């Protein structure tokens, strides 16, 4: 069985139109999840909890793609280019 690890994390951004954190030491690590559905539920809960702060964003990182270089990249990876 293939393991599909997902990391949910977030924090305050310098500019809400970009993905640069104000202070990487203050990044909130929500947790590591064994599948996308549970990661999405955790992401949604944090996003809804911080909905009134435009500078706060949460993300889902597909850790399993880092472990398997054969996997295609995601649209999230294209943000840095």
PDB file of N, CA and C in Angstrom:
ATOM      1  N   UNK A   1       0.831  -1.176   0.000  1.00  0.00           N
ATOM      2  CA  UNK A   1       0.000   0.000   0.000  1.00  0.00           C
ATOM      3  C   UNK A   1       0.884   1.250   0.000  1.00  0.00           C
ATOM      4  N   UNK A   2       0.563   2.196  -0.862  1.00  0.00           N
ATOM      5  CA  UNK A   2       1.306   3.439  -0.951  1.00  0.00           C
ATOM      6  C   UNK A   2       0.830   4.410   0.116  1.00  0.00           C
ATOM      7  N   UNK A   3       1.778   5.028   0.791  1.00  0.00           N
ATOM      8  CA  UNK A   3       1.445   6.007   1.822  1.00  0.00           C
ATOM      9  C   UNK A   3       1.456   7.398   1.195  1.00  0.00           C
ATOM     10  N   UNK A   4       0.432   8.181   1.424  1.00  0.00           N
ATOM     11  CA  UNK A   4       0.284   9.517   0.843  1.00  0.00           C
ATOM     12  C   UNK A   4       0.313  10.563   1.966  1.00  0.00           C
ATOM     13  N   UNK A   5       1.495  10.933   2.410  1.00  0.00           N
ATOM     14  CA  UNK A   5       1.621  11.872   3.516  1.00  0.00           C
ATOM     15  C   UNK A   5       1.367  13.309   3.069  1.00  0.00           C
ATOM     16  N   UNK A   6       0.661  14.057   3.930  1.00  0.00           N
ATOM     17  CA  UNK A   6       0.351  15.460   3.660  1.00  0.00           C
ATOM     18  C   UNK A   6       0.622  16.277   4.922  1.00  0.00           C
ATOM     19  N   UNK A   7       1.313  17.401   4.765  1.00  0.00           N
ATOM     20  CA  UNK A   7       1.615  18.304   5.873  1.00  0.00           C
ATOM     21  C   UNK A   7       0.736  19.540   5.751  1.00  0.00           C
ATOM     22  N   UNK A   8       0.069  19.906   6.845  1.00  0.00           N
ATOM     23  CA  UNK A   8      -0.752  21.118   6.875  1.00  0.00           C
ATOM     24  C   UNK A   8      -0.030  22.134   7.765  1.00  0.00           C
ATOM     25  N   UNK A   9       0.196  23.328   7.205  1.00  0.00           N
ATOM     26  CA  UNK A   9       0.905  24.370   7.940  1.00  0.00           C
ATOM     27  C   UNK A   9       0.433  25.740   7.471  1.00  0.00           C
ATOM     28  N   UNK A  10       0.735  26.761   8.239  1.00  0.00           N
ATOM     29  CA  UNK A  10       0.338  28.107   7.838  1.00  0.00           C
ATOM     30  C   UNK A  10       0.852  29.152   8.788  1.00  0.00           C
ATOM     31  N   UNK A  11       0.480  30.382   8.491  1.00  0.00           N
ATOM     32  CA  UNK A  11       0.895  31.500   9.325  1.00  0.00           C
ATOM     33  C   UNK A  11       0.652  32.813   8.630  1.00  0.00           C
ATOM     34  N   UNK A  12       1.223  33.863   9.203  1.00  0.00           N
ATOM     35  CA  UNK A  12       1.038  35.204   8.660  1.00  0.00           C
ATOM     36  C   UNK A  12       2.002  35.457   7.503  1.00  0.00           C
ATOM     37  N   UNK A  13       1.455  36.007   6.425  1.00  0.00           N
ATOM     38  CA  UNK A  13       2.245  36.341   5.244  1.00  0.00           C
ATOM     39  C   UNK A  13       2.571  37.831   5.237  1.00  0.00           C
ATOM     40  N   UNK A  14       3.677  38.205   4.612  1.00  0.00           N
ATOM     41  CA  UNK A  14       4.032  39.612   4.457  1.00  0.00           C
ATOM     42  C   UNK A  14       2.989  40.319   3.605  1.00  0.00           C
ATOM     43  N   UNK A  15       2.621  39.675   2.512  1.00  0.00           N
ATOM     44  CA  UNK A  15       1.653  40.226   1.560  1.00  0.00           C
ATOM     45  C   UNK A  15       0.684  39.103   1.207  1.00  0.00           C
ATOM     46  N   UNK A  16      -0.619  39.293   1.402  1.00  0.00           N
ATOM     47  CA  UNK A  16      -1.568  38.202   1.144  1.00  0.00           C
ATOM     48  C   UNK A  16      -1.640  37.749  -0.314  1.00  0.00           C
ATOM     49  N   UNK A  17      -1.044  38.500  -1.227  1.00  0.00           N
ATOM     50  CA  UNK A  17      -1.052  38.086  -2.632  1.00  0.00           C
ATOM     51  C   UNK A  17       0.165  37.224  -2.980  1.00  0.00           C
ATOM     52  N   UNK A  18       1.046  36.991  -1.996  1.00  0.00           N
ATOM     53  CA  UNK A  18       2.236  36.158  -2.215  1.00  0.00           C
ATOM     54  C   UNK A  18       2.322  35.082  -1.134  1.00  0.00           C
ATOM     55  N   UNK A  19       3.344  34.246  -1.220  1.00  0.00           N
ATOM     56  CA  UNK A  19       3.482  33.157  -0.248  1.00  0.00           C
ATOM     57  C   UNK A  19       4.781  33.271   0.541  1.00  0.00           C
ATOM     58  N   UNK A  20       5.078  34.468   1.041  1.00  0.00           N
ATOM     59  CA  UNK A  20       6.269  34.704   1.852  1.00  0.00           C
ATOM     60  C   UNK A  20       5.817  34.970   3.284  1.00  0.00           C
ATOM     61  N   UNK A  21       6.265  34.120   4.212  1.00  0.00           N
ATOM     62  CA  UNK A  21       5.872  34.264   5.610  1.00  0.00           C
ATOM     63  C   UNK A  21       6.597  35.427   6.275  1.00  0.00           C
ATOM     64  N   UNK A  22       5.907  36.119   7.192  1.00  0.00           N
ATOM     65  CA  UNK A  22       6.513  37.209   7.959  1.00  0.00           C
ATOM     66  C   UNK A  22       7.682  36.687   8.789  1.00  0.00           C
ATOM     67  N   UNK A  23       7.469  35.566   9.472  1.00  0.00           N
ATOM     68  CA  UNK A  23       8.491  34.997  10.350  1.00  0.00           C
ATOM     69  C   UNK A  23       8.369  33.467  10.305  1.00  0.00           C
ATOM     70  N   UNK A  24       9.337  32.827   9.692  1.00  0.00           N
ATOM     71  CA  UNK A  24       9.254  31.359   9.567  1.00  0.00           C
ATOM     72  C   UNK A  24       9.304  30.659  10.921  1.00  0.00           C
ATOM     73  N   UNK A  25       9.794  31.345  11.946  1.00  0.00           N
ATOM     74  CA  UNK A  25       9.807  30.746  13.287  1.00  0.00           C
ATOM     75  C   UNK A  25       8.412  30.694  13.896  1.00  0.00           C
ATOM     76  N   UNK A  26       7.481  31.455  13.326  1.00  0.00           N
ATOM     77  CA  UNK A  26       6.102  31.473  13.827  1.00  0.00           C
ATOM     78  C   UNK A  26       5.140  30.662  12.967  1.00  0.00           C
ATOM     79  N   UNK A  27       5.656  29.859  12.046  1.00  0.00           N
ATOM     80  CA  UNK A  27       4.777  29.023  11.220  1.00  0.00           C
ATOM     81  C   UNK A  27       4.082  27.996  12.122  1.00  0.00           C
ATOM     82  N   UNK A  28       2.776  27.892  11.943  1.00  0.00           N
ATOM     83  CA  UNK A  28       1.979  26.948  12.716  1.00  0.00           C
ATOM     84  C   UNK A  28       1.933  25.614  11.961  1.00  0.00           C
ATOM     85  N   UNK A  29       2.517  24.587  12.553  1.00  0.00           N
ATOM     86  CA  UNK A  29       2.465  23.243  11.988  1.00  0.00           C
ATOM     87  C   UNK A  29       1.221  22.566  12.565  1.00  0.00           C
ATOM     88  N   UNK A  30       0.224  22.375  11.722  1.00  0.00           N
ATOM     89  CA  UNK A  30      -1.017  21.744  12.167  1.00  0.00           C
ATOM     90  C   UNK A  30      -0.785  20.259  12.376  1.00  0.00           C
ATOM     91  N   UNK A  31      -0.102  19.628  11.406  1.00  0.00           N
ATOM     92  CA  UNK A  31       0.209  18.212  11.547  1.00  0.00           C
ATOM     93  C   UNK A  31       0.438  17.509  10.231  1.00  0.00           C
ATOM     94  N   UNK A  32       0.826  16.257  10.354  1.00  0.00           N
ATOM     95  CA  UNK A  32       1.052  15.367   9.216  1.00  0.00           C
ATOM     96  C   UNK A  32      -0.142  14.423   9.147  1.00  0.00           C
ATOM     97  N   UNK A  33      -0.651  14.211   7.930  1.00  0.00           N
ATOM     98  CA  UNK A  33      -1.861  13.418   7.755  1.00  0.00           C
ATOM     99  C   UNK A  33      -1.631  12.309   6.730  1.00  0.00           C
ATOM    100  N   UNK A  34      -2.284  11.156   6.925  1.00  0.00           N
ATOM    101  CA  UNK A  34      -2.029   9.989   6.077  1.00  0.00           C
ATOM    102  C   UNK A  34      -2.738  10.014   4.728  1.00  0.00           C
ATOM    103  N   UNK A  35      -3.636  10.975   4.517  1.00  0.00           N
ATOM    104  CA  UNK A  35      -4.348  11.044   3.241  1.00  0.00           C
ATOM    105  C   UNK A  35      -4.830  12.471   3.016  1.00  0.00           C
ATOM    106  N   UNK A  36      -5.178  12.776   1.786  1.00  0.00           N
ATOM    107  CA  UNK A  36      -5.578  14.131   1.431  1.00  0.00           C
ATOM    108  C   UNK A  36      -6.864  14.549   2.136  1.00  0.00           C
ATOM    109  N   UNK A  37      -7.822  13.651   2.256  1.00  0.00           N
ATOM    110  CA  UNK A  37      -9.103  14.005   2.875  1.00  0.00           C
ATOM    111  C   UNK A  37      -8.935  14.498   4.314  1.00  0.00           C
ATOM    112  N   UNK A  38      -8.136  13.806   5.109  1.00  0.00           N
ATOM    113  CA  UNK A  38      -7.942  14.248   6.494  1.00  0.00           C
ATOM    114  C   UNK A  38      -7.114  15.529   6.544  1.00  0.00           C
ATOM    115  N   UNK A  39      -6.161  15.684   5.631  1.00  0.00           N
ATOM    116  CA  UNK A  39      -5.385  16.929   5.557  1.00  0.00           C
ATOM    117  C   UNK A  39      -6.292  18.093   5.166  1.00  0.00           C
ATOM    118  N   UNK A  40      -7.178  17.857   4.231  1.00  0.00           N
ATOM    119  CA  UNK A  40      -8.083  18.913   3.782  1.00  0.00           C
ATOM    120  C   UNK A  40      -9.020  19.346   4.911  1.00  0.00           C
ATOM    121  N   UNK A  41      -9.500  18.403   5.704  1.00  0.00           N
ATOM    122  CA  UNK A  41     -10.361  18.745   6.841  1.00  0.00           C
ATOM    123  C   UNK A  41      -9.603  19.619   7.847  1.00  0.00           C
ATOM    124  N   UNK A  42      -8.357  19.272   8.121  1.00  0.00           N
ATOM    125  CA  UNK A  42      -7.539  20.059   9.053  1.00  0.00           C
ATOM    126  C   UNK A  42      -7.249  21.441   8.472  1.00  0.00           C
ATOM    127  N   UNK A  43      -6.915  21.492   7.191  1.00  0.00           N
ATOM    128  CA  UNK A  43      -6.662  22.766   6.509  1.00  0.00           C
ATOM    129  C   UNK A  43      -7.903  23.662   6.577  1.00  0.00           C
ATOM    130  N   UNK A  44      -9.058  23.083   6.276  1.00  0.00           N
ATOM    131  CA  UNK A  44     -10.306  23.848   6.254  1.00  0.00           C
ATOM    132  C   UNK A  44     -10.633  24.409   7.639  1.00  0.00           C
ATOM    133  N   UNK A  45     -10.422  23.615   8.670  1.00  0.00           N
ATOM    134  CA  UNK A  45     -10.690  24.069  10.039  1.00  0.00           C
ATOM    135  C   UNK A  45      -9.806  25.259  10.399  1.00  0.00           C
ATOM    136  N   UNK A  46      -8.524  25.193  10.050  1.00  0.00           N
ATOM    137  CA  UNK A  46      -7.611  26.305  10.352  1.00  0.00           C
ATOM    138  C   UNK A  46      -7.932  27.518   9.483  1.00  0.00           C
ATOM    139  N   UNK A  47      -8.238  27.303   8.217  1.00  0.00           N
ATOM    140  CA  UNK A  47      -8.581  28.413   7.320  1.00  0.00           C
ATOM    141  C   UNK A  47      -9.838  29.124   7.811  1.00  0.00           C
ATOM    142  N   UNK A  48     -10.821  28.371   8.258  1.00  0.00           N
ATOM    143  CA  UNK A  48     -12.061  28.980   8.769  1.00  0.00           C
ATOM    144  C   UNK A  48     -11.826  29.682  10.103  1.00  0.00           C
ATOM    145  N   UNK A  49     -10.951  29.136  10.922  1.00  0.00           N
ATOM    146  CA  UNK A  49     -10.649  29.736  12.224  1.00  0.00           C
ATOM    147  C   UNK A  49      -9.974  31.094  12.054  1.00  0.00           C
ATOM    148  N   UNK A  50      -9.214  31.274  10.978  1.00  0.00           N
ATOM    149  CA  UNK A  50      -8.453  32.505  10.762  1.00  0.00           C
ATOM    150  C   UNK A  50      -9.015  33.343   9.612  1.00  0.00           C
ATOM    151  N   UNK A  51     -10.256  33.112   9.233  1.00  0.00           N
ATOM    152  CA  UNK A  51     -10.846  33.765   8.067  1.00  0.00           C
ATOM    153  C   UNK A  51     -10.854  35.286   8.172  1.00  0.00           C
ATOM    154  N   UNK A  52     -10.885  35.841   9.364  1.00  0.00           N
ATOM    155  CA  UNK A  52     -10.929  37.290   9.531  1.00  0.00           C
ATOM    156  C   UNK A  52      -9.565  37.964   9.378  1.00  0.00           C
ATOM    157  N   UNK A  53      -8.501  37.196   9.277  1.00  0.00           N
ATOM    158  CA  UNK A  53      -7.162  37.753   9.118  1.00  0.00           C
ATOM    159  C   UNK A  53      -6.701  37.503   7.680  1.00  0.00           C
ATOM    160  N   UNK A  54      -6.718  38.543   6.872  1.00  0.00           N
ATOM    161  CA  UNK A  54      -6.371  38.408   5.450  1.00  0.00           C
ATOM    162  C   UNK A  54      -4.926  37.995   5.228  1.00  0.00           C
ATOM    163  N   UNK A  55      -4.056  38.217   6.191  1.00  0.00           N
ATOM    164  CA  UNK A  55      -2.637  37.891   6.027  1.00  0.00           C
ATOM    165  C   UNK A  55      -2.305  36.453   6.442  1.00  0.00           C
ATOM    166  N   UNK A  56      -3.249  35.746   7.025  1.00  0.00           N
ATOM    167  CA  UNK A  56      -2.996  34.380   7.475  1.00  0.00           C
ATOM    168  C   UNK A  56      -3.460  33.392   6.418  1.00  0.00           C
ATOM    169  N   UNK A  57      -2.573  32.471   6.052  1.00  0.00           N
ATOM    170  CA  UNK A  57      -2.896  31.444   5.060  1.00  0.00           C
ATOM    171  C   UNK A  57      -2.396  30.088   5.548  1.00  0.00           C
ATOM    172  N   UNK A  58      -3.136  29.060   5.176  1.00  0.00           N
ATOM    173  CA  UNK A  58      -2.742  27.684   5.461  1.00  0.00           C
ATOM    174  C   UNK A  58      -2.582  26.934   4.150  1.00  0.00           C
ATOM    175  N   UNK A  59      -1.689  25.944   4.160  1.00  0.00           N
ATOM    176  CA  UNK A  59      -1.336  25.196   2.955  1.00  0.00           C
ATOM    177  C   UNK A  59      -1.313  23.704   3.243  1.00  0.00           C
ATOM    178  N   UNK A  60      -1.478  22.924   2.185  1.00  0.00           N
ATOM    179  CA  UNK A  60      -1.297  21.471   2.251  1.00  0.00           C
ATOM    180  C   UNK A  60      -0.100  21.138   1.370  1.00  0.00           C
ATOM    181  N   UNK A  61       0.917  20.546   1.970  1.00  0.00           N
ATOM    182  CA  UNK A  61       2.098  20.111   1.225  1.00  0.00           C
ATOM    183  C   UNK A  61       2.005  18.604   0.999  1.00  0.00           C
ATOM    184  N   UNK A  62       2.216  18.188  -0.230  1.00  0.00           N
ATOM    185  CA  UNK A  62       2.150  16.778  -0.604  1.00  0.00           C
ATOM    186  C   UNK A  62       3.523  16.133  -0.369  1.00  0.00           C
ATOM    187  N   UNK A  63       3.752  15.730   0.860  1.00  0.00           N
ATOM    188  CA  UNK A  63       5.056  15.195   1.256  1.00  0.00           C
ATOM    189  C   UNK A  63       5.403  13.927   0.478  1.00  0.00           C
ATOM    190  N   UNK A  64       4.405  13.124   0.146  1.00  0.00           N
ATOM    191  CA  UNK A  64       4.673  11.883  -0.577  1.00  0.00           C
ATOM    192  C   UNK A  64       5.306  12.164  -1.942  1.00  0.00           C
ATOM    193  N   UNK A  65       5.070  13.323  -2.522  1.00  0.00           N
ATOM    194  CA  UNK A  65       5.685  13.665  -3.802  1.00  0.00           C
ATOM    195  C   UNK A  65       7.173  13.955  -3.646  1.00  0.00           C
ATOM    196  N   UNK A  66       7.567  14.422  -2.475  1.00  0.00           N
ATOM    197  CA  UNK A  66       8.985  14.639  -2.212  1.00  0.00           C
ATOM    198  C   UNK A  66       9.718  13.315  -2.054  1.00  0.00           C
ATOM    199  N   UNK A  67       9.004  12.316  -1.584  1.00  0.00           N
ATOM    200  CA  UNK A  67       9.602  10.999  -1.366  1.00  0.00           C
ATOM    201  C   UNK A  67       9.662  10.175  -2.644  1.00  0.00           C
ATOM    202  N   UNK A  68       8.811  10.487  -3.619  1.00  0.00           N
ATOM    203  CA  UNK A  68       8.750   9.742  -4.874  1.00  0.00           C
ATOM    204  C   UNK A  68       8.942  10.717  -6.035  1.00  0.00           C
ATOM    205  N   UNK A  69      10.154  10.796  -6.541  1.00  0.00           N
ATOM    206  CA  UNK A  69      10.466  11.755  -7.598  1.00  0.00           C
ATOM    207  C   UNK A  69       9.791  11.423  -8.922  1.00  0.00           C
ATOM    208  N   UNK A  70       9.188  10.262  -9.030  1.00  0.00           N
ATOM    209  CA  UNK A  70       8.460   9.882 -10.237  1.00  0.00           C
ATOM    210  C   UNK A  70       7.105  10.564 -10.323  1.00  0.00           C
ATOM    211  N   UNK A  71       6.598  11.073  -9.169  1.00  0.00           N
ATOM    212  CA  UNK A  71       5.303  11.740  -9.128  1.00  0.00           C
ATOM    213  C   UNK A  71       5.384  13.081  -9.852  1.00  0.00           C
ATOM    214  N   UNK A  72       4.367  13.440 -10.595  1.00  0.00           N
ATOM    215  CA  UNK A  72       4.347  14.764 -11.239  1.00  0.00           C
ATOM    216  C   UNK A  72       4.180  15.866 -10.202  1.00  0.00           C
ATOM    217  N   UNK A  73       4.697  17.043 -10.509  1.00  0.00           N
ATOM    218  CA  UNK A  73       4.570  18.190  -9.616  1.00  0.00           C
ATOM    219  C   UNK A  73       3.136  18.700  -9.583  1.00  0.00           C
ATOM    220  N   UNK A  74       2.853  19.512  -8.592  1.00  0.00           N
ATOM    221  CA  UNK A  74       1.514  20.082  -8.448  1.00  0.00           C
ATOM    222  C   UNK A  74       1.520  21.559  -8.826  1.00  0.00           C
ATOM    223  N   UNK A  75       0.338  22.132  -8.948  1.00  0.00           N
ATOM    224  CA  UNK A  75       0.219  23.563  -9.229  1.00  0.00           C
ATOM    225  C   UNK A  75       0.835  24.388  -8.103  1.00  0.00           C
ATOM    226  N   UNK A  76       0.831  23.867  -6.888  1.00  0.00           N
ATOM    227  CA  UNK A  76       1.424  24.566  -5.760  1.00  0.00           C
ATOM    228  C   UNK A  76       2.916  24.755  -5.982  1.00  0.00           C
ATOM    229  N   UNK A  77       3.577  23.758  -6.546  1.00  0.00           N
ATOM    230  CA  UNK A  77       5.009  23.857  -6.793  1.00  0.00           C
ATOM    231  C   UNK A  77       5.319  24.935  -7.827  1.00  0.00           C
ATOM    232  N   UNK A  78       4.398  25.223  -8.711  1.00  0.00           N
ATOM    233  CA  UNK A  78       4.620  26.215  -9.760  1.00  0.00           C
ATOM    234  C   UNK A  78       4.595  27.637  -9.217  1.00  0.00           C
ATOM    235  N   UNK A  79       4.100  27.855  -8.006  1.00  0.00           N
ATOM    236  CA  UNK A  79       4.034  29.194  -7.439  1.00  0.00           C
ATOM    237  C   UNK A  79       5.414  29.830  -7.297  1.00  0.00           C
ATOM    238  N   UNK A  80       6.413  29.022  -7.070  1.00  0.00           N
ATOM    239  CA  UNK A  80       7.754  29.560  -6.869  1.00  0.00           C
ATOM    240  C   UNK A  80       8.477  29.919  -8.155  1.00  0.00           C
ATOM    241  N   UNK A  81       7.894  29.602  -9.287  1.00  0.00           N
ATOM    242  CA  UNK A  81       8.594  29.861 -10.557  1.00  0.00           C
ATOM    243  C   UNK A  81       8.134  31.123 -11.220  1.00  0.00           C
TER     244      UNK A  81
END
